Amino acid sequence: MIAQLQGIVVEKGPEEAIIDVGGVGYRVFISLLTLEKLPDVGQPCRLLIHTQVREDAFHLYGFSTPEERNLFKFLNNVNGIGPRLALAILSTMTPQVLVTAIVAEDVMALVRVPGIGKKIAQRMVIELKDRLSHLSMEGEQPATVSKSVTPTNKQTLLSALLNLGYKRNEAMQAIQSLPPEALDDISLGIRSALRVLAK
């Protein structure tokens, strides 16, 4: 199993990156959190890898920190959450906020993630609360829906566009032009912003 890749960034985008290791290009699925930390194309990088092997597929999932990779593994083991949804969760909530929401049983915060309904959110709490409780920071406030959800998404969208090579002012203009529903869904927001920037 591949546990780590160290090479050169060949391509990067909101959902995946290609890393050249010794002349071989590895396609790695990543979260927006990891995208923010990836260096520019042509620069060296190191990614921690979770390898998933199936009869018809061999997929690599890359992470910038051990904490994010560990959370991905926990999420991937929850019934109803596959690897792509696990990445979507980590693209929407930082590891710290995610752990706090699960430990605090804040189902309303979890259902803000695209693709997460109430049943899956409740299952996340039931299956992961005890396993993640030792990771929660003492005194941290529980994540809630009402506290800065949209501003956080705006910051994530901005970071994603900057990492794709757009200038800050044009990225901000594109984000400001988006309808509210695009800001509630990171993936939709990125696609919408890219369409605006392509005009």
C-alpha atoms as a PDB file:
ATOM      1  CA  MET A   1       0.000   0.000   0.000  1.00  0.00           C
ATOM      2  CA  ILE A   2       1.161   3.523  -0.770  1.00  0.00           C
ATOM      3  CA  ALA A   3       1.332   5.563   2.448  1.00  0.00           C
ATOM      4  CA  GLN A   4       3.136   8.690   1.224  1.00  0.00           C
ATOM      5  CA  LEU A   5       4.057  10.457  -2.005  1.00  0.00           C
ATOM      6  CA  GLN A   6       6.905  12.922  -2.337  1.00  0.00           C
ATOM      7  CA  GLY A   7       7.373  14.543  -5.712  1.00  0.00           C
ATOM      8  CA  ILE A   8       6.502  17.489  -7.949  1.00  0.00           C
ATOM      9  CA  VAL A   9       3.062  19.035  -8.371  1.00  0.00           C
ATOM     10  CA  VAL A  10       2.096  18.642 -12.048  1.00  0.00           C
ATOM     11  CA  GLU A  11      -1.557  19.656 -11.827  1.00  0.00           C
ATOM     12  CA  LYS A  12      -3.931  20.643  -9.057  1.00  0.00           C
ATOM     13  CA  GLY A  13      -7.611  21.433  -8.800  1.00  0.00           C
ATOM     14  CA  PRO A  14     -10.510  21.497  -6.324  1.00  0.00           C
ATOM     15  CA  GLU A  15     -10.892  17.704  -6.276  1.00  0.00           C
ATOM     16  CA  GLU A  16      -7.594  16.154  -7.333  1.00  0.00           C
ATOM     17  CA  ALA A  17      -3.912  16.692  -8.000  1.00  0.00           C
ATOM     18  CA  ILE A  18      -1.290  14.927 -10.093  1.00  0.00           C
ATOM     19  CA  ILE A  19       2.044  14.339  -8.392  1.00  0.00           C
ATOM     20  CA  ASP A  20       5.109  13.314 -10.410  1.00  0.00           C
ATOM     21  CA  VAL A  21       7.267  10.838  -8.508  1.00  0.00           C
ATOM     22  CA  GLY A  22      10.278   9.651 -10.471  1.00  0.00           C
ATOM     23  CA  GLY A  23       8.600  10.249 -13.809  1.00  0.00           C
ATOM     24  CA  VAL A  24       5.328   8.559 -12.832  1.00  0.00           C
ATOM     25  CA  GLY A  25       2.261  10.774 -12.426  1.00  0.00           C
ATOM     26  CA  TYR A  26      -0.017   9.767  -9.560  1.00  0.00           C
ATOM     27  CA  ARG A  27      -3.613  10.998  -9.564  1.00  0.00           C
ATOM     28  CA  VAL A  28      -4.553  11.843  -5.986  1.00  0.00           C
ATOM     29  CA  PHE A  29      -7.990  12.893  -4.751  1.00  0.00           C
ATOM     30  CA  ILE A  30      -7.758  15.736  -2.223  1.00  0.00           C
ATOM     31  CA  SER A  31      -9.920  17.989  -0.064  1.00  0.00           C
ATOM     32  CA  LEU A  32      -9.989  21.770  -0.357  1.00  0.00           C
ATOM     33  CA  LEU A  33      -8.078  21.907   2.929  1.00  0.00           C
ATOM     34  CA  THR A  34      -5.190  19.999   1.361  1.00  0.00           C
ATOM     35  CA  LEU A  35      -5.469  22.026  -1.861  1.00  0.00           C
ATOM     36  CA  GLU A  36      -4.911  25.211   0.140  1.00  0.00           C
ATOM     37  CA  LYS A  37      -1.629  23.808   1.457  1.00  0.00           C
ATOM     38  CA  LEU A  38      -0.304  22.413  -1.821  1.00  0.00           C
ATOM     39  CA  PRO A  39       2.567  24.426  -3.340  1.00  0.00           C
ATOM     40  CA  ASP A  40       2.403  25.841  -6.859  1.00  0.00           C
ATOM     41  CA  VAL A  41       2.662  23.655  -9.956  1.00  0.00           C
ATOM     42  CA  GLY A  42       6.286  22.697 -10.521  1.00  0.00           C
ATOM     43  CA  GLN A  43       7.155  22.803  -6.822  1.00  0.00           C
ATOM     44  CA  PRO A  44       8.028  19.804  -4.603  1.00  0.00           C
ATOM     45  CA  CYS A  45       5.400  18.484  -2.222  1.00  0.00           C
ATOM     46  CA  ARG A  46       4.701  15.669   0.197  1.00  0.00           C
ATOM     47  CA  LEU A  47       1.299  14.077   0.711  1.00  0.00           C
ATOM     48  CA  LEU A  48       0.186  11.457   3.198  1.00  0.00           C
ATOM     49  CA  ILE A  49      -1.793   8.818   1.323  1.00  0.00           C
ATOM     50  CA  HIS A  50      -4.727   6.545   2.019  1.00  0.00           C
ATOM     51  CA  THR A  51      -4.873   3.804  -0.619  1.00  0.00           C
ATOM     52  CA  GLN A  52      -8.180   2.217  -1.505  1.00  0.00           C
ATOM     53  CA  VAL A  53      -8.102  -0.930  -3.621  1.00  0.00           C
ATOM     54  CA  ARG A  54     -11.212  -2.444  -5.139  1.00  0.00           C
ATOM     55  CA  GLU A  55     -11.794  -5.045  -7.821  1.00  0.00           C
ATOM     56  CA  ASP A  56     -12.294  -2.390 -10.479  1.00  0.00           C
ATOM     57  CA  ALA A  57     -10.337   0.566  -9.093  1.00  0.00           C
ATOM     58  CA  PHE A  58      -7.158   1.704  -7.339  1.00  0.00           C
ATOM     59  CA  HIS A  59      -7.607   5.142  -5.790  1.00  0.00           C
ATOM     60  CA  LEU A  60      -5.228   7.372  -3.848  1.00  0.00           C
ATOM     61  CA  TYR A  61      -6.465   9.984  -1.377  1.00  0.00           C
ATOM     62  CA  GLY A  62      -3.963  12.616  -0.267  1.00  0.00           C
ATOM     63  CA  PHE A  63      -3.732  14.692   2.902  1.00  0.00           C
ATOM     64  CA  SER A  64      -1.466  17.427   4.201  1.00  0.00           C
ATOM     65  CA  THR A  65      -1.644  16.319   7.853  1.00  0.00           C
ATOM     66  CA  PRO A  66      -1.960  13.047   9.792  1.00  0.00           C
ATOM     67  CA  GLU A  67      -5.048  14.459  11.544  1.00  0.00           C
ATOM     68  CA  GLU A  68      -6.916  14.937   8.283  1.00  0.00           C
ATOM     69  CA  ARG A  69      -5.973  11.466   7.064  1.00  0.00           C
ATOM     70  CA  ASN A  70      -7.090   9.873  10.339  1.00  0.00           C
ATOM     71  CA  LEU A  71     -10.434  11.686  10.211  1.00  0.00           C
ATOM     72  CA  PHE A  72     -10.893  10.547   6.615  1.00  0.00           C
ATOM     73  CA  LYS A  73     -10.419   6.941   7.717  1.00  0.00           C
ATOM     74  CA  PHE A  74     -12.929   7.356  10.548  1.00  0.00           C
ATOM     75  CA  LEU A  75     -15.488   8.939   8.217  1.00  0.00           C
ATOM     76  CA  ASN A  76     -14.946   6.344   5.509  1.00  0.00           C
ATOM     77  CA  ASN A  77     -15.885   3.610   7.992  1.00  0.00           C
ATOM     78  CA  VAL A  78     -19.270   5.152   8.794  1.00  0.00           C
ATOM     79  CA  ASN A  79     -22.106   3.346   7.044  1.00  0.00           C
ATOM     80  CA  GLY A  80     -23.393   5.563   4.230  1.00  0.00           C
ATOM     81  CA  ILE A  81     -20.218   7.626   3.863  1.00  0.00           C
ATOM     82  CA  GLY A  82     -17.895   6.736   1.010  1.00  0.00           C
ATOM     83  CA  PRO A  83     -14.481   8.246   0.285  1.00  0.00           C
ATOM     84  CA  ARG A  84     -15.780  11.033  -1.953  1.00  0.00           C
ATOM     85  CA  LEU A  85     -18.334  12.152   0.649  1.00  0.00           C
ATOM     86  CA  ALA A  86     -15.650  11.943   3.344  1.00  0.00           C
ATOM     87  CA  LEU A  87     -13.526  14.346   1.274  1.00  0.00           C
ATOM     88  CA  ALA A  88     -16.521  16.649   0.808  1.00  0.00           C
ATOM     89  CA  ILE A  89     -16.946  16.774   4.586  1.00  0.00           C
ATOM     90  CA  LEU A  90     -13.274  17.638   5.072  1.00  0.00           C
ATOM     91  CA  SER A  91     -13.575  20.292   2.347  1.00  0.00           C
ATOM     92  CA  THR A  92     -16.427  21.967   4.201  1.00  0.00           C
ATOM     93  CA  MET A  93     -15.295  21.672   7.833  1.00  0.00           C
ATOM     94  CA  THR A  94     -11.807  21.855   9.288  1.00  0.00           C
ATOM     95  CA  PRO A  95     -10.751  18.804  11.344  1.00  0.00           C
ATOM     96  CA  GLN A  96     -11.064  20.830  14.551  1.00  0.00           C
ATOM     97  CA  VAL A  97     -14.592  22.036  13.751  1.00  0.00           C
ATOM     98  CA  LEU A  98     -15.661  18.573  12.574  1.00  0.00           C
ATOM     99  CA  VAL A  99     -14.445  16.825  15.722  1.00  0.00           C
ATOM    100  CA  THR A 100     -16.092  19.464  17.902  1.00  0.00           C
ATOM    101  CA  ALA A 101     -19.414  19.102  16.055  1.00  0.00           C
ATOM    102  CA  ILE A 102     -19.419  15.310  16.399  1.00  0.00           C
ATOM    103  CA  VAL A 103     -18.417  15.284  20.064  1.00  0.00           C
ATOM    104  CA  ALA A 104     -20.990  17.999  20.841  1.00  0.00           C
ATOM    105  CA  GLU A 105     -23.644  16.006  18.917  1.00  0.00           C
ATOM    106  CA  ASP A 106     -24.286  19.092  16.787  1.00  0.00           C
ATOM    107  CA  VAL A 107     -26.311  17.398  14.045  1.00  0.00           C
ATOM    108  CA  MET A 108     -27.454  20.733  12.599  1.00  0.00           C
ATOM    109  CA  ALA A 109     -23.856  21.720  11.873  1.00  0.00           C
ATOM    110  CA  LEU A 110     -23.147  18.388  10.185  1.00  0.00           C
ATOM    111  CA  VAL A 111     -26.155  18.539   7.846  1.00  0.00           C
ATOM    112  CA  ARG A 112     -24.785  21.779   6.392  1.00  0.00           C
ATOM    113  CA  VAL A 113     -22.328  19.615   4.468  1.00  0.00           C
ATOM    114  CA  PRO A 114     -23.639  18.859   0.947  1.00  0.00           C
ATOM    115  CA  GLY A 115     -24.678  15.201   0.788  1.00  0.00           C
ATOM    116  CA  ILE A 116     -25.136  14.790   4.542  1.00  0.00           C
ATOM    117  CA  GLY A 117     -28.712  14.256   5.687  1.00  0.00           C
ATOM    118  CA  LYS A 118     -30.005  14.028   9.227  1.00  0.00           C
ATOM    119  CA  LYS A 119     -29.769  10.218   9.369  1.00  0.00           C
ATOM    120  CA  ILE A 120     -26.133  10.126   8.262  1.00  0.00           C
ATOM    121  CA  ALA A 121     -25.277  13.008  10.613  1.00  0.00           C
ATOM    122  CA  GLN A 122     -26.842  11.128  13.527  1.00  0.00           C
ATOM    123  CA  ARG A 123     -24.958   7.987  12.506  1.00  0.00           C
ATOM    124  CA  MET A 124     -21.695   9.967  12.470  1.00  0.00           C
ATOM    125  CA  VAL A 125     -22.348  11.084  16.041  1.00  0.00           C
ATOM    126  CA  ILE A 126     -23.295   7.591  17.252  1.00  0.00           C
ATOM    127  CA  GLU A 127     -20.363   5.814  15.599  1.00  0.00           C
ATOM    128  CA  LEU A 128     -17.626   8.413  16.063  1.00  0.00           C
ATOM    129  CA  LYS A 129     -18.345  10.423  19.215  1.00  0.00           C
ATOM    130  CA  ASP A 130     -16.532   8.111  21.629  1.00  0.00           C
ATOM    131  CA  ARG A 131     -13.677   7.477  19.199  1.00  0.00           C
ATOM    132  CA  LEU A 132     -13.083  11.194  18.628  1.00  0.00           C
ATOM    133  CA  SER A 133     -13.759  12.553  22.120  1.00  0.00           C
ATOM    134  CA  HIS A 134     -10.064  12.432  23.048  1.00  0.00           C
ATOM    135  CA  LEU A 135      -9.319  14.705  20.076  1.00  0.00           C
ATOM    136  CA  SER A 136     -11.726  17.461  21.090  1.00  0.00           C
ATOM    137  CA  MET A 137     -10.124  20.584  22.581  1.00  0.00           C
ATOM    138  CA  GLU A 138     -11.148  21.516  26.087  1.00  0.00           C
ATOM    139  CA  GLY A 139     -13.219  24.663  26.232  1.00  0.00           C
ATOM    140  CA  GLU A 140     -13.850  24.872  22.502  1.00  0.00           C
ATOM    141  CA  GLN A 141     -17.294  26.060  21.474  1.00  0.00           C
ATOM    142  CA  PRO A 142     -19.485  23.576  19.587  1.00  0.00           C
ATOM    143  CA  ALA A 143     -19.865  24.228  15.874  1.00  0.00           C
ATOM    144  CA  THR A 144     -23.261  25.664  15.027  1.00  0.00           C
ATOM    145  CA  VAL A 145     -25.086  26.506  11.843  1.00  0.00           C
ATOM    146  CA  SER A 146     -25.589  30.116  12.819  1.00  0.00           C
ATOM    147  CA  LYS A 147     -21.946  30.994  13.382  1.00  0.00           C
ATOM    148  CA  SER A 148     -20.182  32.230  10.242  1.00  0.00           C
ATOM    149  CA  VAL A 149     -21.009  29.399   7.885  1.00  0.00           C
ATOM    150  CA  THR A 150     -21.087  31.579   4.762  1.00  0.00           C
ATOM    151  CA  PRO A 151     -17.974  33.665   5.607  1.00  0.00           C
ATOM    152  CA  THR A 152     -16.048  30.422   6.177  1.00  0.00           C
ATOM    153  CA  ASN A 153     -17.169  29.143   2.785  1.00  0.00           C
ATOM    154  CA  LYS A 154     -16.135  32.428   1.185  1.00  0.00           C
ATOM    155  CA  GLN A 155     -12.668  32.062   2.664  1.00  0.00           C
ATOM    156  CA  THR A 156     -12.451  28.473   1.435  1.00  0.00           C
ATOM    157  CA  LEU A 157     -13.564  29.487  -2.059  1.00  0.00           C
ATOM    158  CA  LEU A 158     -11.035  32.315  -2.117  1.00  0.00           C
ATOM    159  CA  SER A 159      -8.207  29.999  -1.075  1.00  0.00           C
ATOM    160  CA  ALA A 160      -9.211  27.461  -3.725  1.00  0.00           C
ATOM    161  CA  LEU A 161      -9.252  30.082  -6.493  1.00  0.00           C
ATOM    162  CA  LEU A 162      -5.921  31.544  -5.373  1.00  0.00           C
ATOM    163  CA  ASN A 163      -4.401  28.063  -5.438  1.00  0.00           C
ATOM    164  CA  LEU A 164      -5.687  27.657  -8.987  1.00  0.00           C
ATOM    165  CA  GLY A 165      -3.655  30.705 -10.014  1.00  0.00           C
ATOM    166  CA  TYR A 166      -6.260  33.483 -10.040  1.00  0.00           C
ATOM    167  CA  LYS A 167      -5.440  36.925  -8.654  1.00  0.00           C
ATOM    168  CA  ARG A 168      -7.004  37.885  -5.343  1.00  0.00           C
ATOM    169  CA  ASN A 169      -9.016  40.814  -6.716  1.00  0.00           C
ATOM    170  CA  GLU A 170     -10.567  38.843  -9.599  1.00  0.00           C
ATOM    171  CA  ALA A 171     -11.261  35.880  -7.297  1.00  0.00           C
ATOM    172  CA  MET A 172     -13.009  38.162  -4.790  1.00  0.00           C
ATOM    173  CA  GLN A 173     -15.098  39.775  -7.550  1.00  0.00           C
ATOM    174  CA  ALA A 174     -16.194  36.348  -8.787  1.00  0.00           C
ATOM    175  CA  ILE A 175     -17.149  35.221  -5.266  1.00  0.00           C
ATOM    176  CA  GLN A 176     -19.085  38.435  -4.580  1.00  0.00           C
ATOM    177  CA  SER A 177     -21.158  37.839  -7.728  1.00  0.00           C
ATOM    178  CA  LEU A 178     -22.311  34.373  -6.631  1.00  0.00           C
ATOM    179  CA  PRO A 179     -25.880  33.750  -5.424  1.00  0.00           C
ATOM    180  CA  PRO A 180     -26.322  32.690  -1.761  1.00  0.00           C
ATOM    181  CA  GLU A 181     -27.029  29.044  -2.645  1.00  0.00           C
ATOM    182  CA  ALA A 182     -23.626  28.786  -4.330  1.00  0.00           C
ATOM    183  CA  LEU A 183     -21.971  29.858  -1.080  1.00  0.00           C
ATOM    184  CA  ASP A 184     -23.720  27.098   0.860  1.00  0.00           C
ATOM    185  CA  ASP A 185     -22.129  24.372  -1.287  1.00  0.00           C
ATOM    186  CA  ILE A 186     -18.354  24.515  -1.732  1.00  0.00           C
ATOM    187  CA  SER A 187     -18.288  22.372  -4.881  1.00  0.00           C
ATOM    188  CA  LEU A 188     -21.103  24.380  -6.485  1.00  0.00           C
ATOM    189  CA  GLY A 189     -19.403  27.598  -5.437  1.00  0.00           C
ATOM    190  CA  ILE A 190     -16.132  26.655  -7.108  1.00  0.00           C
ATOM    191  CA  ARG A 191     -17.843  25.591 -10.330  1.00  0.00           C
ATOM    192  CA  SER A 192     -19.908  28.783 -10.376  1.00  0.00           C
ATOM    193  CA  ALA A 193     -16.890  30.995  -9.678  1.00  0.00           C
ATOM    194  CA  LEU A 194     -14.875  29.297 -12.427  1.00  0.00           C
ATOM    195  CA  ARG A 195     -17.704  29.949 -14.891  1.00  0.00           C
ATOM    196  CA  VAL A 196     -17.706  33.633 -13.904  1.00  0.00           C
ATOM    197  CA  LEU A 197     -13.930  33.856 -14.295  1.00  0.00           C
ATOM    198  CA  ALA A 198     -14.057  32.143 -17.694  1.00  0.00           C
ATOM    199  CA  LYS A 199     -16.247  34.900 -19.168  1.00  0.00           C
END
